[in-house]
């Protein structure tokens, strides 16, 4: 009998394998699970060189996978001004002043994650609010959704933005009294600002990517669907892997704007293995509900003069979708509003009718504001719903945005599953916390429209088996069973035997990727990990 390299005993194993739902122990060799069963059965695989983990009845689940995360953005967010919990513009100004004083070496003050819905003033901040706090250097603070930002006058100046500046698929808000830019920029207008910011060095980029990876495995993630922002991120990821520093699996999401550049640079030629591989092509169809740029069929309930914005015409969207589909690539299209989702469905229906293709596994990212009709069309097209459960918590204002009737169809996770649609979960970090535990909690413990709550097992599957399906990997991971990769997350509590609200307090004890312990909450515990 083959001796295991790693064995886990005395555990509460939730396998998500219907043929063997529960177990006490498992054995691992060469990065794969070689046995699942009782302690007695697994002890037969333990030899002199076997590392043994006494789980002390802790819970082992299939490794969590985040199906939508901006890893580089996450890394930067850990090093910039965090305004997530700010409750007023006055507090924002205070935080900005404090940060600038502590970081005098920075040529730009960057940060964000603010939400005006939490502000006592109940309005967007302006350039003049930022100027009052700090006018000496350019300031760029992105709203929590990532689709809108506020900048100070210095940043507008350096970016060359005036009241005459126009931008395709974006907006620069103007002051009603003067007609000058008020500091609020939306969608593609953010890119004008970003082009004025000094580019990070390769070392700085590598450091933030590595930091994000370390925080991801601390959160229990064994894999991420990494949405790339810059072409050289792929080189950084490859470098980390070749140097043995990449602690988790990466499924790359390539923005459609970068596709031709990556092909021309040869970065996609012969690319891919079991740790890193090219995944999907991402297209942005609209914006966000928080910024009121998500494209709705009817006006916003709290802003009746707008229905949001489409970032492409139907004709252009059809062309982009068709290009990726014909190239045999997987598509992941960001569409939040029902108008955007309908446009994406039209584009996909057109592409599939002209070029039929089985098992395409195209995805709609977020698919937030739905209707029964849209859900049924998604089912007919065999689409994957790539959702972010923690939006349910953060978008506490959703009824105000879209009204009670439409709010019933915002994030309808249970309905999607009941229709037979594969639902895969992610965080959209740094928009939301990267923790899959918080995502599971949000999906299970939802307070409003509770008919859309998932069961604990359903929520776990969205981060494991369904996530594996979304990357064409369901035969290799997603459940704990013999022959699959040993990607595991060990938790402090049994999720099946605690209340839904207690889930958010569960701690990640250990993360195992490819049979390697990449994170341990208490690595020095002799009773928890020993030979």
Foldseek 3Di string as FASTA:
>chain_A
DAAAQEKEAQEFEQFLDPVDRTAGMWGHHQQFTADTHHRVVNVVNHDPNHWYFHLNHFYKFFFFEFEAAAQLQQLVQVVAQECQPPQALVVVLVSQLVVCVVCVPDQEHEHAQYFLCRYPVSDDAWLVSNCVSPVPHKYWYAHLQRFKIFIHPRLCVLLVHWLPDDDALWDFDADPPPSTGGRMIGHPRVVSSVVSHDDDDPVVSLVSSLVSQLVLVQLRHQEYAHEDDDLCNLVSQVVCVVVVSRRHAYAYEYELVCVVVCVVVVVQPPDDDRRYHYAAYEAEFWGDLSVQQQAAPAAWLQGRVDRHHTSDDLVVLLVSLLVQVVVLGAYEYEHAYAVSLVSNLVSLVVNCVVPPDPLSQHEYEAPFQHDPVSLLSCVVSLYAYEHELCCLVVPPVVCNTHNDVRNLRGQQQQVSVVSVHLYAYHHHPPSGDRRLLSSLLSQAVRDPNNVSRDDSSSSLQNRFQSSCSSRVRNVATRGRDGPHRPWMWTKRDDPVPDDSVCSSVIGTAFTAHSNRTPDGPCPPDCNRIHD
